[in-house]
Protein backbone atom coordinates (compact mmCIF):
# COMPACT_ATOMS: atom_id res chain seq x y z
CA UNK A 1 -16.21 -41.04 -10.72
CA UNK A 2 -15.90 -41.98 -6.92
CA UNK A 3 -14.77 -45.68 -7.69
CA UNK A 4 -11.99 -44.08 -10.20
CA UNK A 5 -11.07 -41.89 -6.92
CA UNK A 6 -10.87 -44.77 -4.78
CA UNK A 7 -8.90 -46.83 -7.47
CA UNK A 8 -6.53 -43.77 -7.74
CA UNK A 9 -5.94 -43.44 -3.89
CA UNK A 10 -5.47 -47.24 -3.16
CA UNK A 11 -2.50 -47.25 -6.27
CA UNK A 12 -0.85 -44.14 -5.16
CA UNK A 13 -0.73 -45.30 -1.65
CA UNK A 14 1.32 -48.37 -2.50
CA UNK A 15 4.67 -48.20 -1.56
CA UNK A 16 7.16 -47.64 -3.96
CA UNK A 17 9.29 -50.91 -3.16
CA UNK A 18 6.12 -53.12 -4.01
CA UNK A 19 6.93 -54.98 -7.40
CA UNK A 20 5.25 -54.06 -10.78
CA UNK A 21 3.56 -57.58 -10.65
CA UNK A 22 2.13 -56.93 -7.54
CA UNK A 23 1.02 -53.75 -8.38
CA UNK A 24 -0.85 -54.86 -11.51
CA UNK A 25 -2.46 -57.59 -9.71
CA UNK A 26 -3.81 -55.02 -6.94
CA UNK A 27 -5.27 -52.86 -9.83
CA UNK A 28 -6.62 -55.56 -11.29
CA UNK A 29 -8.00 -57.05 -7.98
CA UNK A 30 -9.72 -53.27 -7.27
CA UNK A 31 -10.96 -53.23 -10.78
CA UNK A 32 -12.49 -56.38 -10.41
CA UNK A 33 -14.29 -55.56 -7.35
CA UNK A 34 -15.35 -51.98 -8.52
CA UNK A 35 -18.24 -53.80 -10.66
CA UNK A 36 -19.84 -55.28 -7.55
CA UNK A 37 -19.02 -52.95 -4.65
CA UNK A 38 -20.06 -49.31 -3.42
CA UNK A 39 -17.27 -46.98 -2.92
CA UNK A 40 -17.04 -47.62 0.83
CA UNK A 41 -16.60 -51.34 0.33
CA UNK A 42 -14.00 -50.44 -2.45
CA UNK A 43 -12.12 -48.42 -0.01
CA UNK A 44 -12.18 -50.96 2.74
CA UNK A 45 -10.94 -53.53 -0.11
CA UNK A 46 -8.18 -51.18 -0.92
CA UNK A 47 -7.05 -50.84 2.63
CA UNK A 48 -6.79 -54.62 2.84
CA UNK A 49 -4.87 -54.94 -0.22
CA UNK A 50 -2.45 -52.09 1.10
CA UNK A 51 -1.92 -53.87 4.32
CA UNK A 52 -1.15 -57.13 2.50
CA UNK A 53 1.27 -55.21 0.18
CA UNK A 54 2.94 -53.43 3.15
CA UNK A 55 2.11 -55.20 6.59
CA UNK A 56 4.47 -53.16 8.59
CA UNK A 57 3.19 -49.70 7.28
CA UNK A 58 5.18 -46.82 6.59
CA UNK A 59 8.78 -46.47 8.22
CA UNK A 60 8.71 -44.66 11.47
CA UNK A 61 9.99 -41.13 11.39
CA UNK A 62 13.14 -40.35 13.38
CA UNK A 63 12.49 -37.12 13.90
CA UNK A 64 10.12 -36.04 16.54
CA UNK A 65 6.52 -35.05 15.50
CA UNK A 66 5.30 -31.89 16.67
CA UNK A 67 2.67 -32.30 19.44
CA UNK A 68 -0.54 -30.54 18.87
CA UNK A 69 -1.09 -27.38 20.96
CA UNK A 70 -3.19 -27.88 24.35
CA UNK A 71 -6.46 -28.00 23.71
CA UNK A 72 -6.13 -29.49 20.34
CA UNK A 73 -6.82 -33.17 19.09
CA UNK A 74 -5.94 -34.63 15.88
CA UNK A 75 -7.67 -37.67 14.41
CA UNK A 76 -6.61 -40.07 11.29
CA UNK A 77 -7.83 -43.17 9.79
CA UNK A 78 -5.15 -45.74 10.57
CA UNK A 79 -4.78 -48.38 7.58
CA UNK A 80 -5.72 -51.07 9.73
CA UNK A 81 -9.36 -49.29 9.92
CA UNK A 82 -9.05 -48.05 13.49
CA UNK A 83 -9.14 -44.18 14.63
CA UNK A 84 -5.91 -42.76 15.52
CA UNK A 85 -5.90 -39.69 17.97
CA UNK A 86 -3.55 -37.50 19.87
CA UNK A 87 -3.92 -34.31 21.43
CA UNK A 88 -4.62 -32.54 24.52
CA UNK A 89 -7.32 -31.00 26.36
CA UNK A 90 -7.69 -28.28 28.65
CA UNK A 91 -8.56 -29.21 32.35
CA UNK A 92 -12.10 -28.43 32.40
CA UNK A 93 -12.84 -30.39 29.29
CA UNK A 94 -10.93 -33.77 31.06
CA UNK A 95 -14.23 -35.22 32.82
CA UNK A 96 -16.49 -34.79 30.09
CA UNK A 97 -14.13 -36.10 27.70
CA UNK A 98 -13.59 -39.24 30.14
CA UNK A 99 -17.34 -39.61 30.42
CA UNK A 100 -17.76 -39.75 26.78
CA UNK A 101 -15.04 -42.17 25.87
CA UNK A 102 -16.12 -44.57 28.79
CA UNK A 103 -19.65 -44.42 27.23
CA UNK A 104 -18.05 -45.83 23.77
CA UNK A 105 -15.27 -47.74 24.97
CA UNK A 106 -15.69 -48.95 28.31
CA UNK A 107 -12.44 -51.01 28.54
CA UNK A 108 -10.61 -48.04 27.36
CA UNK A 109 -7.80 -47.19 29.83
CA UNK A 110 -7.74 -43.25 30.24
């Protein structure tokens, strides 16, 4: 059931401009890997397939995106496997947040 959901999620994320042949090849590749890998690995394989089929990712939007409210953070999983984040923290949380991030990513530019 989880494998089925991973397959469906990946297939639904393939951009409309991808050819039918490439879609079929992607589905066959996912089905082949579903026999040997767990759902987490299958998700990662699906992300690699999507990155191959659409290396530039979705078209950028022209309209500005609403900024998160002050004191709000938004996180999202990027197609390339990295974590995206955006937001603002109240001033009293600044030092604690910097300290935590610097511990996790000493080379981060804050």
